[in-house]
Protein backbone atom coordinates (compact mmCIF):
# COMPACT_ATOMS: atom_id res chain seq x y z
CA UNK A 1 47.48 0.39 -37.20
CA UNK A 2 48.35 1.07 -33.57
CA UNK A 3 46.20 3.61 -31.71
CA UNK A 4 47.53 6.85 -30.27
CA UNK A 5 49.22 6.70 -26.87
CA UNK A 6 49.22 10.33 -25.83
CA UNK A 7 47.51 13.66 -26.48
CA UNK A 8 49.34 16.97 -27.01
CA UNK A 9 48.94 19.83 -24.53
CA UNK A 10 47.62 21.91 -27.40
CA UNK A 11 44.37 19.92 -27.33
CA UNK A 12 43.22 22.44 -24.75
CA UNK A 13 42.90 25.01 -27.53
CA UNK A 14 39.91 23.14 -28.98
CA UNK A 15 37.59 25.09 -26.71
CA UNK A 16 34.83 25.14 -29.34
CA UNK A 17 34.55 21.33 -29.70
CA UNK A 18 31.27 19.87 -28.36
CA UNK A 19 31.83 16.15 -29.05
CA UNK A 20 35.05 14.15 -28.89
CA UNK A 21 35.64 10.44 -29.55
CA UNK A 22 39.00 9.06 -28.42
CA UNK A 23 37.84 5.48 -27.90
CA UNK A 24 39.83 2.32 -28.67
CA UNK A 25 43.31 3.77 -28.50
CA UNK A 26 46.21 3.26 -26.10
CA UNK A 27 45.99 6.54 -24.22
CA UNK A 28 47.36 6.27 -20.67
CA UNK A 29 46.77 9.82 -19.44
CA UNK A 30 45.04 13.06 -20.35
CA UNK A 31 47.01 16.34 -20.31
CA UNK A 32 46.23 18.95 -17.65
CA UNK A 33 44.98 21.28 -20.39
CA UNK A 34 42.08 18.91 -21.09
CA UNK A 35 39.87 20.91 -18.73
CA UNK A 36 39.92 23.81 -21.19
CA UNK A 37 37.43 21.98 -23.44
CA UNK A 38 34.59 23.79 -21.73
CA UNK A 39 32.13 23.43 -24.63
CA UNK A 40 32.42 19.64 -24.58
CA UNK A 41 29.04 17.94 -24.04
CA UNK A 42 29.93 14.39 -25.10
CA UNK A 43 33.21 12.58 -24.45
CA UNK A 44 33.94 8.96 -25.34
CA UNK A 45 37.30 7.60 -24.11
CA UNK A 46 36.33 3.95 -23.69
CA UNK A 47 38.83 1.13 -24.29
CA UNK A 48 42.08 2.92 -23.53
CA UNK A 49 44.73 2.48 -20.82
CA UNK A 50 43.88 5.52 -18.69
CA UNK A 51 45.01 5.16 -15.07
CA UNK A 52 43.81 8.49 -13.69
CA UNK A 53 42.13 11.72 -14.72
CA UNK A 54 43.66 15.19 -14.24
CA UNK A 55 42.22 17.52 -11.59
CA UNK A 56 41.23 19.87 -14.39
CA UNK A 57 38.70 17.26 -15.55
CA UNK A 58 36.10 18.84 -13.25
CA UNK A 59 36.24 22.00 -15.37
CA UNK A 60 34.34 20.28 -18.20
CA UNK A 61 31.19 21.93 -16.89
CA UNK A 62 29.12 21.38 -20.07
CA UNK A 63 29.70 17.63 -20.14
CA UNK A 64 26.50 15.58 -20.34
CA UNK A 65 27.63 12.18 -21.67
CA UNK A 66 30.83 10.56 -20.46
CA UNK A 67 32.01 7.07 -21.42
CA UNK A 68 35.12 5.86 -19.55
CA UNK A 69 34.47 2.13 -19.64
CA UNK A 70 37.27 -0.39 -20.23
CA UNK A 71 40.17 1.63 -18.85
CA UNK A 72 42.39 1.11 -15.79
CA UNK A 73 40.87 3.73 -13.49
CA UNK A 74 41.00 3.14 -9.74
CA UNK A 75 39.71 6.51 -8.56
CA UNK A 76 38.19 9.79 -9.70
CA UNK A 77 39.60 13.27 -9.05
CA UNK A 78 38.07 15.32 -6.23
CA UNK A 79 36.87 17.82 -8.83
CA UNK A 80 34.64 15.21 -10.47
CA UNK A 81 31.60 16.35 -8.49
CA UNK A 82 31.66 19.67 -10.35
CA UNK A 83 30.28 17.98 -13.48
CA UNK A 84 26.79 19.05 -12.47
CA UNK A 85 25.34 18.73 -15.99
CA UNK A 86 26.36 15.09 -16.37
CA UNK A 87 23.44 12.85 -17.39
CA UNK A 88 25.03 9.57 -18.53
CA UNK A 89 28.16 8.16 -16.89
CA UNK A 90 29.77 4.82 -17.79
CA UNK A 91 32.59 3.69 -15.48
CA UNK A 92 32.22 -0.03 -16.14
CA UNK A 93 35.14 -2.43 -16.61
CA UNK A 94 37.69 -0.46 -14.62
CA UNK A 95 39.42 -1.15 -11.29
CA UNK A 96 37.36 0.91 -8.84
CA UNK A 97 37.16 -0.36 -5.25
CA UNK A 98 35.05 2.62 -4.17
CA UNK A 99 33.33 5.70 -5.53
CA UNK A 100 33.96 9.17 -4.09
CA UNK A 101 31.29 10.76 -1.92
CA UNK A 102 31.22 13.61 -4.42
CA UNK A 103 29.25 11.28 -6.71
CA UNK A 104 26.26 12.65 -4.81
CA UNK A 105 26.92 16.09 -6.28
CA UNK A 106 25.90 14.81 -9.72
CA UNK A 107 22.27 15.67 -9.08
CA UNK A 108 21.33 15.62 -12.77
CA UNK A 109 22.69 12.12 -13.37
CA UNK A 110 20.16 9.74 -14.95
CA UNK A 111 22.32 6.71 -15.82
CA UNK A 112 25.27 5.34 -13.86
CA UNK A 113 27.03 2.16 -14.94
CA UNK A 114 29.81 0.86 -12.67
CA UNK A 115 29.51 -2.85 -13.39
CA UNK A 116 32.59 -5.08 -13.62
CA UNK A 117 34.77 -3.33 -11.06
CA UNK A 118 35.89 -4.27 -7.54
CA UNK A 119 33.43 -2.09 -5.62
CA UNK A 120 32.94 -3.09 -1.99
CA UNK A 121 30.44 -0.37 -1.11
CA UNK A 122 28.35 2.43 -2.54
CA UNK A 123 28.60 5.83 -0.79
CA UNK A 124 25.53 6.99 1.12
CA UNK A 125 25.61 10.18 -0.96
CA UNK A 126 24.06 8.18 -3.81
CA UNK A 127 20.83 9.22 -2.12
CA UNK A 128 21.41 12.75 -3.41
CA UNK A 129 21.25 11.63 -7.05
CA UNK A 130 17.54 12.36 -7.20
CA UNK A 131 17.34 12.21 -11.02
CA UNK A 132 18.93 8.77 -11.32
CA UNK A 133 16.82 6.35 -13.35
CA UNK A 134 19.27 3.53 -14.12
CA UNK A 135 21.93 2.11 -11.80
CA UNK A 136 24.02 -0.87 -12.90
CA UNK A 137 26.26 -2.46 -10.24
CA UNK A 138 26.71 -5.99 -11.61
CA UNK A 139 29.94 -7.98 -11.18
CA UNK A 140 31.38 -6.25 -8.12
CA UNK A 141 32.12 -7.20 -4.49
CA UNK A 142 29.20 -5.42 -2.84
CA UNK A 143 27.89 -6.86 0.41
CA UNK A 144 25.08 -4.35 0.93
CA UNK A 145 23.40 -1.24 -0.39
CA UNK A 146 23.14 1.94 1.69
CA UNK A 147 19.75 2.76 3.21
CA UNK A 148 19.99 6.06 1.33
CA UNK A 149 19.18 4.23 -1.91
CA UNK A 150 15.54 4.55 -0.89
CA UNK A 151 15.74 8.31 -1.45
CA UNK A 152 16.29 7.83 -5.18
CA UNK A 153 12.59 7.56 -5.97
CA UNK A 154 13.25 8.24 -9.67
CA UNK A 155 15.09 4.91 -10.02
CA UNK A 156 13.57 2.57 -12.63
CA UNK A 157 16.32 -0.01 -13.22
CA UNK A 158 18.63 -1.47 -10.55
CA UNK A 159 20.88 -4.41 -11.42
CA UNK A 160 23.13 -6.10 -8.86
CA UNK A 161 23.82 -9.60 -10.12
CA UNK A 162 27.10 -11.32 -9.26
CA UNK A 163 27.85 -9.58 -5.97
CA UNK A 164 27.93 -10.77 -2.35
CA UNK A 165 24.77 -9.13 -1.08
CA UNK A 166 23.05 -10.83 1.85
CA UNK A 167 20.13 -8.49 2.31
CA UNK A 168 18.36 -5.52 0.76
CA UNK A 169 17.63 -2.32 2.71
CA UNK A 170 14.08 -1.88 3.97
CA UNK A 171 13.98 1.49 2.21
CA UNK A 172 13.65 -0.34 -1.11
CA UNK A 173 9.91 0.03 -0.73
CA UNK A 174 10.28 3.75 -1.35
CA UNK A 175 11.39 3.10 -4.94
CA UNK A 176 7.90 3.64 -6.29
CA UNK A 177 9.08 3.94 -9.91
CA UNK A 178 11.28 0.83 -9.90
CA UNK A 179 10.44 -1.44 -12.83
CA UNK A 180 13.41 -3.82 -12.95
CA UNK A 181 15.40 -5.35 -10.09
CA UNK A 182 18.09 -7.98 -10.63
CA UNK A 183 19.77 -9.45 -7.53
CA UNK A 184 20.64 -12.82 -9.04
CA UNK A 185 23.87 -14.62 -8.13
CA UNK A 186 24.22 -13.14 -4.66
CA UNK A 187 23.94 -14.48 -1.11
CA UNK A 188 20.45 -13.20 -0.34
CA UNK A 189 18.89 -14.73 2.75
CA UNK A 190 15.59 -12.88 2.50
CA UNK A 191 13.69 -10.24 0.57
CA UNK A 192 12.16 -7.47 2.69
CA UNK A 193 8.37 -7.24 2.72
CA UNK A 194 8.78 -3.52 2.06
CA UNK A 195 9.92 -4.29 -1.48
CA UNK A 196 6.30 -5.11 -2.28
CA UNK A 197 5.49 -1.40 -2.00
CA UNK A 198 7.43 -0.93 -5.27
CA UNK A 199 4.19 -1.61 -7.09
CA UNK A 200 5.45 -0.67 -10.58
CA UNK A 201 7.97 -3.51 -10.58
CA UNK A 202 7.72 -5.52 -13.81
CA UNK A 203 10.86 -7.65 -13.69
CA UNK A 204 12.27 -9.31 -10.55
CA UNK A 205 15.32 -11.58 -10.73
CA UNK A 206 16.33 -13.30 -7.47
CA UNK A 207 17.77 -16.44 -9.07
CA UNK A 208 20.94 -18.26 -8.08
CA UNK A 209 21.03 -17.32 -4.43
CA UNK A 210 21.49 -21.07 -3.92
CA UNK A 211 21.22 -22.25 -0.29
CA UNK A 212 20.37 -18.84 1.10
CA UNK A 213 16.99 -17.71 -0.22
CA UNK A 214 14.16 -19.88 1.13
CA UNK A 215 11.02 -17.78 0.71
CA UNK A 216 9.42 -14.92 -1.16
CA UNK A 217 7.73 -12.02 0.63
CA UNK A 218 4.23 -12.96 1.80
CA UNK A 219 2.83 -9.82 0.19
CA UNK A 220 4.40 -10.41 -3.24
CA UNK A 221 0.87 -10.30 -4.65
CA UNK A 222 0.98 -6.51 -4.20
CA UNK A 223 3.28 -6.40 -7.24
CA UNK A 224 0.33 -6.54 -9.61
CA UNK A 225 2.38 -5.14 -12.52
CA UNK A 226 4.95 -7.96 -12.31
CA UNK A 227 5.52 -9.64 -15.69
CA UNK A 228 8.72 -11.63 -15.11
CA UNK A 229 9.94 -13.51 -12.02
CA UNK A 230 13.01 -15.74 -11.81
CA UNK A 231 13.63 -17.81 -8.65
CA UNK A 232 15.84 -20.46 -10.28
CA UNK A 233 18.48 -22.18 -8.15
CA UNK A 234 17.06 -20.96 -4.85
CA UNK A 235 15.72 -23.02 -1.94
CA UNK A 236 12.10 -21.87 -2.13
CA UNK A 237 9.66 -24.73 -1.55
CA UNK A 238 6.32 -22.96 -1.10
CA UNK A 239 4.98 -19.90 -2.89
CA UNK A 240 3.01 -17.42 -0.75
CA UNK A 241 -0.78 -17.35 -1.03
CA UNK A 242 -0.75 -13.83 -2.46
CA UNK A 243 1.01 -15.18 -5.57
CA UNK A 244 -2.49 -15.72 -6.97
CA UNK A 245 -2.86 -11.97 -7.52
CA UNK A 246 -0.02 -11.77 -10.09
CA UNK A 247 -2.42 -11.63 -13.02
CA UNK A 248 0.09 -10.01 -15.41
CA UNK A 249 2.88 -12.52 -14.82
CA UNK A 250 4.03 -13.91 -18.16
CA UNK A 251 7.45 -15.41 -17.39
CA UNK A 252 8.12 -17.59 -14.33
CA UNK A 253 11.39 -19.48 -13.97
CA UNK A 254 12.07 -21.91 -11.15
CA UNK A 255 14.72 -24.20 -12.65
CA UNK A 256 16.55 -26.31 -10.06
CA UNK A 257 14.39 -24.86 -7.27
CA UNK A 258 12.80 -27.59 -5.07
CA UNK A 259 9.23 -26.30 -5.39
CA UNK A 260 6.55 -28.32 -3.62
CA UNK A 261 3.68 -25.82 -3.73
CA UNK A 262 2.94 -25.65 -6.56
CA UNK A 263 4.41 -28.95 -7.80
CA UNK A 264 7.22 -28.68 -10.32
CA UNK A 265 5.05 -30.11 -13.09
CA UNK A 266 2.67 -27.17 -12.66
CA UNK A 267 5.54 -24.66 -12.74
CA UNK A 268 6.60 -26.11 -16.10
CA UNK A 269 3.20 -25.21 -17.56
CA UNK A 270 3.93 -21.50 -17.35
CA UNK A 271 3.37 -18.43 -15.24
CA UNK A 272 -0.41 -18.23 -15.42
CA UNK A 273 -0.77 -21.94 -14.67
CA UNK A 274 1.08 -21.30 -11.41
CA UNK A 275 -1.07 -18.25 -10.63
CA UNK A 276 -4.25 -20.27 -11.26
CA UNK A 277 -2.99 -23.19 -9.17
CA UNK A 278 -2.37 -20.89 -6.22
CA UNK A 279 -5.79 -19.27 -6.65
CA UNK A 280 -7.52 -22.68 -6.67
CA UNK A 281 -5.47 -23.87 -3.72
CA UNK A 282 -6.39 -20.88 -1.57
CA UNK A 283 -10.07 -21.08 -2.58
CA UNK A 284 -10.22 -24.78 -1.71
CA UNK A 285 -8.52 -24.20 1.61
CA UNK A 286 -10.89 -21.33 2.45
CA UNK A 287 -13.91 -23.50 1.65
CA UNK A 288 -12.73 -26.25 3.97
CA UNK A 289 -11.94 -23.83 6.76
CA UNK A 290 -15.44 -22.29 6.81
CA UNK A 291 -17.43 -23.64 9.81
CA UNK A 292 -20.74 -25.34 8.96
CA UNK A 293 -23.70 -23.19 9.87
CA UNK A 294 -25.88 -25.00 12.42
CA UNK A 295 -29.33 -23.74 13.33
CA UNK A 296 -29.77 -22.81 16.89
CA UNK A 297 -32.35 -24.91 18.67
CA UNK A 298 -34.35 -22.05 20.10
CA UNK A 299 -37.99 -21.78 21.23
CA UNK A 300 -39.53 -21.87 17.75
CA UNK A 301 -37.47 -24.88 16.71
CA UNK A 302 -38.58 -26.79 19.77
CA UNK A 303 -42.21 -25.80 19.32
CA UNK A 304 -42.35 -26.93 15.68
CA UNK A 305 -40.66 -30.20 16.59
CA UNK A 306 -43.18 -30.73 19.37
CA UNK A 307 -46.16 -30.13 17.06
CA UNK A 308 -44.79 -32.56 14.48
CA UNK A 309 -44.70 -35.47 16.91
CA UNK A 310 -47.04 -38.34 15.72
CA UNK A 311 -48.85 -38.67 19.03
CA UNK A 312 -49.16 -35.56 21.04
CA UNK A 313 -49.22 -36.23 24.74
CA UNK A 314 -52.28 -35.02 26.59
CA UNK A 315 -51.84 -31.95 28.62
CA UNK A 316 -53.53 -32.60 31.93
CA UNK A 317 -54.51 -29.75 34.11
CA UNK A 318 -55.75 -30.51 37.54
CA UNK A 319 -57.13 -28.23 40.08
CA UNK A 320 -58.17 -28.85 43.55
CA UNK A 321 -61.85 -28.22 44.10
């Protein structure tokens, strides 16, 4: 049975409806009366053919959960920022090349999914989304993140794989609640040392940056909560000394990465084998670098040596009479 293709204008009379599921149909547009559904808290319109939303969409002031994924949307109406009660927003699998600056007006937003679009940038106003906990930006055309991302201290999950990102903003260190960061399949040339201030990080994926990523931050050992680290298909040859402090690391992947320190055979033994190898290596190096303690040949040393001589020379005192 074919799905519905259009909605009647009379749908606006359903002002008492709190939840509406219109998913998996063939709807191309919503009528202008749609904004009259002011009691609506949950709306699911995923997997349709919607090209744009009416300006009246911003009048859905009670809306908390909105699923628009798998449509043909390229932009959002200017009124979209009025949805101040929105908590979960799924815009994935559309045709967005940018998000409006009014996205920053969604101050109660906790989850934003815009993966699988054509996004080239994220507006700086994302820094106003101070309740955001989960941000998914995978499979886009992003080259960078705005510095303002560091203002979103509530952020716990940030995924960016399959983009064109060359570097991360130094403000990433402000994300003190960040637990998962995925920047695999990008063009990363380096990871800022500041990231190591995100001490609650448990999962870090920097794999498949191919010829670009050659080293990890020297202070990666600060991430004492880290449980999973993937550096596969990078160009990292030596792990930093502080790696030895990653006592909670349980998963370490370095497939197709030309590791020399530690040797690849050690990496294959598992995460804690690598941590222990680095600890032993640093301890051994420190032992060798300590200068040998030599006793100073002072007065008492010379006196004892003199008294221990087998034949003491006579001390001759002469005085003129």
